[in-house]
mmCIF file of all heavy atoms, coordinates in Angstrom:
data_MODEL
# 
_entry.id   MODEL 
# 
loop_
_atom_site.group_PDB 
_atom_site.id 
_atom_site.type_symbol 
_atom_site.label_atom_id 
_atom_site.label_alt_id 
_atom_site.label_comp_id 
_atom_site.label_asym_id 
_atom_site.label_entity_id 
_atom_site.label_seq_id 
_atom_site.pdbx_PDB_ins_code 
_atom_site.Cartn_x 
_atom_site.Cartn_y 
_atom_site.Cartn_z 
_atom_site.occupancy 
_atom_site.B_iso_or_equiv 
_atom_site.pdbx_formal_charge 
_atom_site.auth_seq_id 
_atom_site.auth_comp_id 
_atom_site.auth_asym_id 
_atom_site.auth_atom_id 
_atom_site.pdbx_PDB_model_num 
ATOM 1   N N   . HIS A 1 1  ? -76.611 35.657 121.026 1.00 0.00 ? 1  HIS A N   1 
ATOM 2   C CA  . HIS A 1 1  ? -75.466 35.469 120.125 1.00 0.00 ? 1  HIS A CA  1 
ATOM 3   C C   . HIS A 1 1  ? -75.212 36.714 119.296 1.00 0.00 ? 1  HIS A C   1 
ATOM 4   O O   . HIS A 1 1  ? -74.074 37.183 119.160 1.00 0.00 ? 1  HIS A O   1 
ATOM 5   C CB  . HIS A 1 1  ? -75.712 34.259 119.216 1.00 0.00 ? 1  HIS A CB  1 
ATOM 6   C CG  . HIS A 1 1  ? -74.637 34.047 118.211 1.00 0.00 ? 1  HIS A CG  1 
ATOM 7   N ND1 . HIS A 1 1  ? -74.694 34.604 116.953 1.00 0.00 ? 1  HIS A ND1 1 
ATOM 8   C CD2 . HIS A 1 1  ? -73.472 33.379 118.279 1.00 0.00 ? 1  HIS A CD2 1 
ATOM 9   C CE1 . HIS A 1 1  ? -73.610 34.277 116.281 1.00 0.00 ? 1  HIS A CE1 1 
ATOM 10  N NE2 . HIS A 1 1  ? -72.845 33.526 117.069 1.00 0.00 ? 1  HIS A NE2 1 
ATOM 11  N N   . ASP A 1 2  ? -76.277 37.279 118.735 1.00 0.00 ? 2  ASP A N   1 
ATOM 12  C CA  . ASP A 1 2  ? -76.132 38.485 117.927 1.00 0.00 ? 2  ASP A CA  1 
ATOM 13  C C   . ASP A 1 2  ? -75.617 39.661 118.757 1.00 0.00 ? 2  ASP A C   1 
ATOM 14  O O   . ASP A 1 2  ? -74.760 40.429 118.300 1.00 0.00 ? 2  ASP A O   1 
ATOM 15  C CB  . ASP A 1 2  ? -77.461 38.853 117.273 1.00 0.00 ? 2  ASP A CB  1 
ATOM 16  C CG  . ASP A 1 2  ? -77.875 37.864 116.204 1.00 0.00 ? 2  ASP A CG  1 
ATOM 17  O OD1 . ASP A 1 2  ? -77.064 36.997 115.838 1.00 0.00 ? 2  ASP A OD1 1 
ATOM 18  O OD2 . ASP A 1 2  ? -79.035 37.965 115.745 1.00 0.00 ? 2  ASP A OD2 1 
ATOM 19  N N   . MET A 1 3  ? -76.129 39.796 119.976 1.00 0.00 ? 3  MET A N   1 
ATOM 20  C CA  . MET A 1 3  ? -75.680 40.896 120.829 1.00 0.00 ? 3  MET A CA  1 
ATOM 21  C C   . MET A 1 3  ? -74.216 40.732 121.220 1.00 0.00 ? 3  MET A C   1 
ATOM 22  O O   . MET A 1 3  ? -73.455 41.709 121.210 1.00 0.00 ? 3  MET A O   1 
ATOM 23  C CB  . MET A 1 3  ? -76.551 40.986 122.079 1.00 0.00 ? 3  MET A CB  1 
ATOM 24  C CG  . MET A 1 3  ? -77.952 41.466 121.803 1.00 0.00 ? 3  MET A CG  1 
ATOM 25  S SD  . MET A 1 3  ? -78.918 41.619 123.314 1.00 0.00 ? 3  MET A SD  1 
ATOM 26  C CE  . MET A 1 3  ? -78.236 43.137 123.963 1.00 0.00 ? 3  MET A CE  1 
ATOM 27  N N   . ARG A 1 4  ? -73.804 39.520 121.560 1.00 0.00 ? 4  ARG A N   1 
ATOM 28  C CA  . ARG A 1 4  ? -72.400 39.292 121.919 1.00 0.00 ? 4  ARG A CA  1 
ATOM 29  C C   . ARG A 1 4  ? -71.489 39.556 120.721 1.00 0.00 ? 4  ARG A C   1 
ATOM 30  O O   . ARG A 1 4  ? -70.415 40.133 120.880 1.00 0.00 ? 4  ARG A O   1 
ATOM 31  C CB  . ARG A 1 4  ? -72.212 37.869 122.445 1.00 0.00 ? 4  ARG A CB  1 
ATOM 32  C CG  . ARG A 1 4  ? -72.770 37.686 123.821 1.00 0.00 ? 4  ARG A CG  1 
ATOM 33  C CD  . ARG A 1 4  ? -72.455 36.319 124.385 1.00 0.00 ? 4  ARG A CD  1 
ATOM 34  N NE  . ARG A 1 4  ? -73.099 36.150 125.666 1.00 0.00 ? 4  ARG A NE  1 
ATOM 35  C CZ  . ARG A 1 4  ? -74.070 35.288 125.910 1.00 0.00 ? 4  ARG A CZ  1 
ATOM 36  N NH1 . ARG A 1 4  ? -74.495 34.482 124.958 1.00 0.00 ? 4  ARG A NH1 1 
ATOM 37  N NH2 . ARG A 1 4  ? -74.618 35.211 127.106 1.00 0.00 ? 4  ARG A NH2 1 
ATOM 38  N N   . SER A 1 5  ? -71.914 39.136 119.546 1.00 0.00 ? 5  SER A N   1 
ATOM 39  C CA  . SER A 1 5  ? -71.120 39.393 118.341 1.00 0.00 ? 5  SER A CA  1 
ATOM 40  C C   . SER A 1 5  ? -70.994 40.892 118.090 1.00 0.00 ? 5  SER A C   1 
ATOM 41  O O   . SER A 1 5  ? -69.912 41.385 117.763 1.00 0.00 ? 5  SER A O   1 
ATOM 42  C CB  . SER A 1 5  ? -71.759 38.716 117.125 1.00 0.00 ? 5  SER A CB  1 
ATOM 43  O OG  . SER A 1 5  ? -71.766 37.334 117.279 1.00 0.00 ? 5  SER A OG  1 
ATOM 44  N N   . GLU A 1 6  ? -72.082 41.606 118.239 1.00 0.00 ? 6  GLU A N   1 
ATOM 45  C CA  . GLU A 1 6  ? -72.056 43.063 118.040 1.00 0.00 ? 6  GLU A CA  1 
ATOM 46  C C   . GLU A 1 6  ? -71.158 43.736 119.073 1.00 0.00 ? 6  GLU A C   1 
ATOM 47  O O   . GLU A 1 6  ? -70.390 44.644 118.744 1.00 0.00 ? 6  GLU A O   1 
ATOM 48  C CB  . GLU A 1 6  ? -73.475 43.609 118.120 1.00 0.00 ? 6  GLU A CB  1 
ATOM 49  C CG  . GLU A 1 6  ? -73.597 45.065 117.783 1.00 0.00 ? 6  GLU A CG  1 
ATOM 50  C CD  . GLU A 1 6  ? -75.036 45.545 117.818 1.00 0.00 ? 6  GLU A CD  1 
ATOM 51  O OE1 . GLU A 1 6  ? -75.931 44.796 117.382 1.00 0.00 ? 6  GLU A OE1 1 
ATOM 52  O OE2 . GLU A 1 6  ? -75.250 46.673 118.279 1.00 0.00 ? 6  GLU A OE2 1 
ATOM 53  N N   . LEU A 1 7  ? -71.259 43.290 120.327 1.00 0.00 ? 7  LEU A N   1 
ATOM 54  C CA  . LEU A 1 7  ? -70.396 43.849 121.369 1.00 0.00 ? 7  LEU A CA  1 
ATOM 55  C C   . LEU A 1 7  ? -68.924 43.572 121.084 1.00 0.00 ? 7  LEU A C   1 
ATOM 56  O O   . LEU A 1 7  ? -68.066 44.445 121.256 1.00 0.00 ? 7  LEU A O   1 
ATOM 57  C CB  . LEU A 1 7  ? -70.767 43.273 122.733 1.00 0.00 ? 7  LEU A CB  1 
ATOM 58  C CG  . LEU A 1 7  ? -71.908 43.951 123.459 1.00 0.00 ? 7  LEU A CG  1 
ATOM 59  C CD1 . LEU A 1 7  ? -72.341 43.125 124.657 1.00 0.00 ? 7  LEU A CD1 1 
ATOM 60  C CD2 . LEU A 1 7  ? -71.507 45.329 123.897 1.00 0.00 ? 7  LEU A CD2 1 
ATOM 61  N N   . PHE A 1 8  ? -68.614 42.364 120.644 1.00 0.00 ? 8  PHE A N   1 
ATOM 62  C CA  . PHE A 1 8  ? -67.220 42.023 120.333 1.00 0.00 ? 8  PHE A CA  1 
ATOM 63  C C   . PHE A 1 8  ? -66.700 42.874 119.185 1.00 0.00 ? 8  PHE A C   1 
ATOM 64  O O   . PHE A 1 8  ? -65.573 43.383 119.239 1.00 0.00 ? 8  PHE A O   1 
ATOM 65  C CB  . PHE A 1 8  ? -67.088 40.532 120.009 1.00 0.00 ? 8  PHE A CB  1 
ATOM 66  C CG  . PHE A 1 8  ? -65.671 40.137 119.724 1.00 0.00 ? 8  PHE A CG  1 
ATOM 67  C CD1 . PHE A 1 8  ? -64.762 40.000 120.760 1.00 0.00 ? 8  PHE A CD1 1 
ATOM 68  C CD2 . PHE A 1 8  ? -65.250 39.926 118.423 1.00 0.00 ? 8  PHE A CD2 1 
ATOM 69  C CE1 . PHE A 1 8  ? -63.451 39.651 120.511 1.00 0.00 ? 8  PHE A CE1 1 
ATOM 70  C CE2 . PHE A 1 8  ? -63.938 39.570 118.161 1.00 0.00 ? 8  PHE A CE2 1 
ATOM 71  C CZ  . PHE A 1 8  ? -63.033 39.437 119.209 1.00 0.00 ? 8  PHE A CZ  1 
ATOM 72  N N   . ARG A 1 9  ? -67.518 43.043 118.135 1.00 0.00 ? 9  ARG A N   1 
ATOM 73  C CA  . ARG A 1 9  ? -67.094 43.890 117.009 1.00 0.00 ? 9  ARG A CA  1 
ATOM 74  C C   . ARG A 1 9  ? -66.856 45.319 117.474 1.00 0.00 ? 9  ARG A C   1 
ATOM 75  O O   . ARG A 1 9  ? -65.895 45.968 117.060 1.00 0.00 ? 9  ARG A O   1 
ATOM 76  C CB  . ARG A 1 9  ? -68.142 43.857 115.900 1.00 0.00 ? 9  ARG A CB  1 
ATOM 77  C CG  . ARG A 1 9  ? -68.088 42.618 115.040 1.00 0.00 ? 9  ARG A CG  1 
ATOM 78  C CD  . ARG A 1 9  ? -68.924 42.757 113.770 1.00 0.00 ? 9  ARG A CD  1 
ATOM 79  N NE  . ARG A 1 9  ? -70.337 43.027 114.026 1.00 0.00 ? 9  ARG A NE  1 
ATOM 80  C CZ  . ARG A 1 9  ? -71.253 42.087 114.288 1.00 0.00 ? 9  ARG A CZ  1 
ATOM 81  N NH1 . ARG A 1 9  ? -70.890 40.816 114.313 1.00 0.00 ? 9  ARG A NH1 1 
ATOM 82  N NH2 . ARG A 1 9  ? -72.501 42.415 114.502 1.00 0.00 ? 9  ARG A NH2 1 
ATOM 83  N N   . LYS A 1 10 ? -67.707 45.817 118.356 1.00 0.00 ? 10 LYS A N   1 
ATOM 84  C CA  . LYS A 1 10 ? -67.550 47.175 118.875 1.00 0.00 ? 10 LYS A CA  1 
ATOM 85  C C   . LYS A 1 10 ? -66.284 47.284 119.718 1.00 0.00 ? 10 LYS A C   1 
ATOM 86  O O   . LYS A 1 10 ? -65.524 48.253 119.592 1.00 0.00 ? 10 LYS A O   1 
ATOM 87  C CB  . LYS A 1 10 ? -68.788 47.562 119.690 1.00 0.00 ? 10 LYS A CB  1 
ATOM 88  C CG  . LYS A 1 10 ? -68.730 48.918 120.304 1.00 0.00 ? 10 LYS A CG  1 
ATOM 89  C CD  . LYS A 1 10 ? -68.764 49.999 119.255 1.00 0.00 ? 10 LYS A CD  1 
ATOM 90  C CE  . LYS A 1 10 ? -68.832 51.376 119.911 1.00 0.00 ? 10 LYS A CE  1 
ATOM 91  N NZ  . LYS A 1 10 ? -68.747 52.438 118.961 1.00 0.00 ? 10 LYS A NZ  1 
ATOM 92  N N   . LEU A 1 11 ? -66.051 46.294 120.575 1.00 0.00 ? 11 LEU A N   1 
ATOM 93  C CA  . LEU A 1 11 ? -64.855 46.325 121.424 1.00 0.00 ? 11 LEU A CA  1 
ATOM 94  C C   . LEU A 1 11 ? -63.579 46.260 120.584 1.00 0.00 ? 11 LEU A C   1 
ATOM 95  O O   . LEU A 1 11 ? -62.569 46.864 120.940 1.00 0.00 ? 11 LEU A O   1 
ATOM 96  C CB  . LEU A 1 11 ? -64.876 45.173 122.429 1.00 0.00 ? 11 LEU A CB  1 
ATOM 97  C CG  . LEU A 1 11 ? -65.795 45.348 123.629 1.00 0.00 ? 11 LEU A CG  1 
ATOM 98  C CD1 . LEU A 1 11 ? -65.830 44.083 124.458 1.00 0.00 ? 11 LEU A CD1 1 
ATOM 99  C CD2 . LEU A 1 11 ? -65.353 46.530 124.475 1.00 0.00 ? 11 LEU A CD2 1 
ATOM 100 N N   . ALA A 1 12 ? -63.618 45.538 119.479 1.00 0.00 ? 12 ALA A N   1 
ATOM 101 C CA  . ALA A 1 12 ? -62.433 45.414 118.624 1.00 0.00 ? 12 ALA A CA  1 
ATOM 102 C C   . ALA A 1 12 ? -62.066 46.734 117.956 1.00 0.00 ? 12 ALA A C   1 
ATOM 103 O O   . ALA A 1 12 ? -60.920 46.937 117.563 1.00 0.00 ? 12 ALA A O   1 
ATOM 104 C CB  . ALA A 1 12 ? -62.659 44.339 117.563 1.00 0.00 ? 12 ALA A CB  1 
ATOM 105 N N   . THR A 1 13 ? -63.017 47.648 117.846 1.00 0.00 ? 13 THR A N   1 
ATOM 106 C CA  . THR A 1 13 ? -62.741 48.940 117.207 1.00 0.00 ? 13 THR A CA  1 
ATOM 107 C C   . THR A 1 13 ? -62.408 50.037 118.217 1.00 0.00 ? 13 THR A C   1 
ATOM 108 O O   . THR A 1 13 ? -62.070 51.140 117.803 1.00 0.00 ? 13 THR A O   1 
ATOM 109 C CB  . THR A 1 13 ? -63.958 49.402 116.376 1.00 0.00 ? 13 THR A CB  1 
ATOM 110 O OG1 . THR A 1 13 ? -65.068 49.607 117.238 1.00 0.00 ? 13 THR A OG1 1 
ATOM 111 C CG2 . THR A 1 13 ? -64.306 48.378 115.308 1.00 0.00 ? 13 THR A CG2 1 
ATOM 112 N N   . MET A 1 14 ? -62.508 49.750 119.496 1.00 0.00 ? 14 MET A N   1 
ATOM 113 C CA  . MET A 1 14 ? -62.273 50.771 120.517 1.00 0.00 ? 14 MET A CA  1 
ATOM 114 C C   . MET A 1 14 ? -60.771 51.060 120.640 1.00 0.00 ? 14 MET A C   1 
ATOM 115 O O   . MET A 1 14 ? -59.947 50.147 120.524 1.00 0.00 ? 14 MET A O   1 
ATOM 116 C CB  . MET A 1 14 ? -62.821 50.321 121.870 1.00 0.00 ? 14 MET A CB  1 
ATOM 117 C CG  . MET A 1 14 ? -64.324 50.104 121.889 1.00 0.00 ? 14 MET A CG  1 
ATOM 118 S SD  . MET A 1 14 ? -65.278 51.541 121.440 1.00 0.00 ? 14 MET A SD  1 
ATOM 119 C CE  . MET A 1 14 ? -65.060 52.547 122.867 1.00 0.00 ? 14 MET A CE  1 
ATOM 120 N N   . PRO A 1 15 ? -60.412 52.314 120.906 1.00 0.00 ? 15 PRO A N   1 
ATOM 121 C CA  . PRO A 1 15 ? -58.989 52.653 121.077 1.00 0.00 ? 15 PRO A CA  1 
ATOM 122 C C   . PRO A 1 15 ? -58.463 52.120 122.419 1.00 0.00 ? 15 PRO A C   1 
ATOM 123 O O   . PRO A 1 15 ? -59.235 51.812 123.329 1.00 0.00 ? 15 PRO A O   1 
ATOM 124 C CB  . PRO A 1 15 ? -58.988 54.174 121.049 1.00 0.00 ? 15 PRO A CB  1 
ATOM 125 C CG  . PRO A 1 15 ? -60.362 54.568 121.478 1.00 0.00 ? 15 PRO A CG  1 
ATOM 126 C CD  . PRO A 1 15 ? -61.277 53.479 120.991 1.00 0.00 ? 15 PRO A CD  1 
ATOM 127 N N   . MET A 1 16 ? -57.171 52.030 122.530 1.00 0.00 ? 16 MET A N   1 
ATOM 128 C CA  . MET A 1 16 ? -56.559 51.519 123.763 1.00 0.00 ? 16 MET A CA  1 
ATOM 129 C C   . MET A 1 16 ? -56.899 52.392 124.966 1.00 0.00 ? 16 MET A C   1 
ATOM 130 O O   . MET A 1 16 ? -56.982 51.886 126.087 1.00 0.00 ? 16 MET A O   1 
ATOM 131 C CB  . MET A 1 16 ? -55.039 51.421 123.601 1.00 0.00 ? 16 MET A CB  1 
ATOM 132 C CG  . MET A 1 16 ? -54.605 50.247 122.729 1.00 0.00 ? 16 MET A CG  1 
ATOM 133 S SD  . MET A 1 16 ? -55.250 48.664 123.292 1.00 0.00 ? 16 MET A SD  1 
ATOM 134 C CE  . MET A 1 16 ? -54.401 48.453 124.805 1.00 0.00 ? 16 MET A CE  1 
ATOM 135 N N   . SER A 1 17 ? -57.127 53.675 124.748 1.00 0.00 ? 17 SER A N   1 
ATOM 136 C CA  . SER A 1 17 ? -57.464 54.557 125.867 1.00 0.00 ? 17 SER A CA  1 
ATOM 137 C C   . SER A 1 17 ? -58.773 54.118 126.549 1.00 0.00 ? 17 SER A C   1 
ATOM 138 O O   . SER A 1 17 ? -58.929 54.275 127.756 1.00 0.00 ? 17 SER A O   1 
ATOM 139 C CB  . SER A 1 17 ? -57.568 56.005 125.398 1.00 0.00 ? 17 SER A CB  1 
ATOM 140 O OG  . SER A 1 17 ? -58.594 56.119 124.417 1.00 0.00 ? 17 SER A OG  1 
ATOM 141 N N   . PHE A 1 18 ? -59.686 53.556 125.763 1.00 0.00 ? 18 PHE A N   1 
ATOM 142 C CA  . PHE A 1 18 ? -60.930 53.046 126.352 1.00 0.00 ? 18 PHE A CA  1 
ATOM 143 C C   . PHE A 1 18 ? -60.629 51.945 127.351 1.00 0.00 ? 18 PHE A C   1 
ATOM 144 O O   . PHE A 1 18 ? -61.186 51.908 128.453 1.00 0.00 ? 18 PHE A O   1 
ATOM 145 C CB  . PHE A 1 18 ? -61.855 52.517 125.241 1.00 0.00 ? 18 PHE A CB  1 
ATOM 146 C CG  . PHE A 1 18 ? -63.037 51.747 125.755 1.00 0.00 ? 18 PHE A CG  1 
ATOM 147 C CD1 . PHE A 1 18 ? -64.143 52.403 126.264 1.00 0.00 ? 18 PHE A CD1 1 
ATOM 148 C CD2 . PHE A 1 18 ? -63.033 50.362 125.746 1.00 0.00 ? 18 PHE A CD2 1 
ATOM 149 C CE1 . PHE A 1 18 ? -65.226 51.695 126.751 1.00 0.00 ? 18 PHE A CE1 1 
ATOM 150 C CE2 . PHE A 1 18 ? -64.115 49.643 126.231 1.00 0.00 ? 18 PHE A CE2 1 
ATOM 151 C CZ  . PHE A 1 18 ? -65.217 50.319 126.743 1.00 0.00 ? 18 PHE A CZ  1 
ATOM 152 N N   . PHE A 1 19 ? -59.725 51.039 126.993 1.00 0.00 ? 19 PHE A N   1 
ATOM 153 C CA  . PHE A 1 19 ? -59.397 49.918 127.873 1.00 0.00 ? 19 PHE A CA  1 
ATOM 154 C C   . PHE A 1 19 ? -58.580 50.373 129.077 1.00 0.00 ? 19 PHE A C   1 
ATOM 155 O O   . PHE A 1 19 ? -58.608 49.730 130.117 1.00 0.00 ? 19 PHE A O   1 
ATOM 156 C CB  . PHE A 1 19 ? -58.671 48.826 127.084 1.00 0.00 ? 19 PHE A CB  1 
ATOM 157 C CG  . PHE A 1 19 ? -59.544 48.203 126.035 1.00 0.00 ? 19 PHE A CG  1 
ATOM 158 C CD1 . PHE A 1 19 ? -59.424 48.585 124.701 1.00 0.00 ? 19 PHE A CD1 1 
ATOM 159 C CD2 . PHE A 1 19 ? -60.499 47.275 126.374 1.00 0.00 ? 19 PHE A CD2 1 
ATOM 160 C CE1 . PHE A 1 19 ? -60.240 48.020 123.736 1.00 0.00 ? 19 PHE A CE1 1 
ATOM 161 C CE2 . PHE A 1 19 ? -61.320 46.716 125.416 1.00 0.00 ? 19 PHE A CE2 1 
ATOM 162 C CZ  . PHE A 1 19 ? -61.193 47.102 124.100 1.00 0.00 ? 19 PHE A CZ  1 
ATOM 163 N N   . ASN A 1 20 ? -57.859 51.484 128.938 1.00 0.00 ? 20 ASN A N   1 
ATOM 164 C CA  . ASN A 1 20 ? -57.141 52.033 130.091 1.00 0.00 ? 20 ASN A CA  1 
ATOM 165 C C   . ASN A 1 20 ? -58.105 52.693 131.070 1.00 0.00 ? 20 ASN A C   1 
ATOM 166 O O   . ASN A 1 20 ? -57.878 52.664 132.266 1.00 0.00 ? 20 ASN A O   1 
ATOM 167 C CB  . ASN A 1 20 ? -56.093 53.055 129.630 1.00 0.00 ? 20 ASN A CB  1 
ATOM 168 C CG  . ASN A 1 20 ? -54.919 52.387 128.941 1.00 0.00 ? 20 ASN A CG  1 
ATOM 169 O OD1 . ASN A 1 20 ? -54.613 51.228 129.202 1.00 0.00 ? 20 ASN A OD1 1 
ATOM 170 N ND2 . ASN A 1 20 ? -54.266 53.110 128.045 1.00 0.00 ? 20 ASN A ND2 1 
ATOM 171 N N   . ARG A 1 21 ? -59.170 53.295 130.558 1.00 0.00 ? 21 ARG A N   1 
ATOM 172 C CA  . ARG A 1 21 ? -60.157 53.976 131.404 1.00 0.00 ? 21 ARG A CA  1 
ATOM 173 C C   . ARG A 1 21 ? -61.182 53.023 132.004 1.00 0.00 ? 21 ARG A C   1 
ATOM 174 O O   . ARG A 1 21 ? -61.675 53.250 133.092 1.00 0.00 ? 21 ARG A O   1 
ATOM 175 C CB  . ARG A 1 21 ? -60.919 55.028 130.590 1.00 0.00 ? 21 ARG A CB  1 
ATOM 176 C CG  . ARG A 1 21 ? -60.192 56.278 130.295 1.00 0.00 ? 21 ARG A CG  1 
ATOM 177 C CD  . ARG A 1 21 ? -61.125 57.335 129.692 1.00 0.00 ? 21 ARG A CD  1 
ATOM 178 N NE  . ARG A 1 21 ? -62.152 56.816 128.810 1.00 0.00 ? 21 ARG A NE  1 
ATOM 179 C CZ  . ARG A 1 21 ? -62.045 56.714 127.490 1.00 0.00 ? 21 ARG A CZ  1 
ATOM 180 N NH1 . ARG A 1 21 ? -60.936 57.066 126.896 1.00 0.00 ? 21 ARG A NH1 1 
ATOM 181 N NH2 . ARG A 1 21 ? -63.048 56.252 126.763 1.00 0.00 ? 21 ARG A NH2 1 
ATOM 182 N N   . THR A 1 22 ? -61.540 51.990 131.275 1.00 0.00 ? 22 THR A N   1 
ATOM 183 C CA  . THR A 1 22 ? -62.635 51.110 131.681 1.00 0.00 ? 22 THR A CA  1 
ATOM 184 C C   . THR A 1 22 ? -62.085 49.857 132.353 1.00 0.00 ? 22 THR A C   1 
ATOM 185 O O   . THR A 1 22 ? -61.173 49.217 131.841 1.00 0.00 ? 22 THR A O   1 
ATOM 186 C CB  . THR A 1 22 ? -63.483 50.708 130.453 1.00 0.00 ? 22 THR A CB  1 
ATOM 187 O OG1 . THR A 1 22 ? -63.833 51.892 129.741 1.00 0.00 ? 22 THR A OG1 1 
ATOM 188 C CG2 . THR A 1 22 ? -64.725 49.970 130.872 1.00 0.00 ? 22 THR A CG2 1 
ATOM 189 N N   . LYS A 1 23 ? -62.677 49.521 133.471 1.00 0.00 ? 23 LYS A N   1 
ATOM 190 C CA  . LYS A 1 23 ? -62.241 48.325 134.199 1.00 0.00 ? 23 LYS A CA  1 
ATOM 191 C C   . LYS A 1 23 ? -62.680 47.075 133.448 1.00 0.00 ? 23 LYS A C   1 
ATOM 192 O O   . LYS A 1 23 ? -63.763 47.031 132.861 1.00 0.00 ? 23 LYS A O   1 
ATOM 193 C CB  . LYS A 1 23 ? -62.836 48.331 135.608 1.00 0.00 ? 23 LYS A CB  1 
ATOM 194 C CG  . LYS A 1 23 ? -62.329 49.481 136.437 1.00 0.00 ? 23 LYS A CG  1 
ATOM 195 C CD  . LYS A 1 23 ? -63.006 49.522 137.783 1.00 0.00 ? 23 LYS A CD  1 
ATOM 196 C CE  . LYS A 1 23 ? -62.506 50.731 138.542 1.00 0.00 ? 23 LYS A CE  1 
ATOM 197 N NZ  . LYS A 1 23 ? -63.271 50.984 139.728 1.00 0.00 ? 23 LYS A NZ  1 
ATOM 198 N N   . PHE A 1 24 ? -61.841 46.054 133.479 1.00 0.00 ? 24 PHE A N   1 
ATOM 199 C CA  . PHE A 1 24 ? -62.150 44.807 132.762 1.00 0.00 ? 24 PHE A CA  1 
ATOM 200 C C   . PHE A 1 24 ? -63.413 44.148 133.291 1.00 0.00 ? 24 PHE A C   1 
ATOM 201 O O   . PHE A 1 24 ? -64.200 43.578 132.545 1.00 0.00 ? 24 PHE A O   1 
ATOM 202 C CB  . PHE A 1 24 ? -60.984 43.819 132.837 1.00 0.00 ? 24 PHE A CB  1 
ATOM 203 C CG  . PHE A 1 24 ? -59.810 44.222 132.002 1.00 0.00 ? 24 PHE A CG  1 
ATOM 204 C CD1 . PHE A 1 24 ? -58.571 44.396 132.581 1.00 0.00 ? 24 PHE A CD1 1 
ATOM 205 C CD2 . PHE A 1 24 ? -59.953 44.438 130.645 1.00 0.00 ? 24 PHE A CD2 1 
ATOM 206 C CE1 . PHE A 1 24 ? -57.486 44.771 131.814 1.00 0.00 ? 24 PHE A CE1 1 
ATOM 207 C CE2 . PHE A 1 24 ? -58.866 44.817 129.870 1.00 0.00 ? 24 PHE A CE2 1 
ATOM 208 C CZ  . PHE A 1 24 ? -57.631 44.985 130.459 1.00 0.00 ? 24 PHE A CZ  1 
# 
């Protein structure tokens, strides 16, 4: 749970270019 929460918080701060480069 803690790891998923940390990952979600990190993903929420990533720029849109990260999501364009990284496959879902």
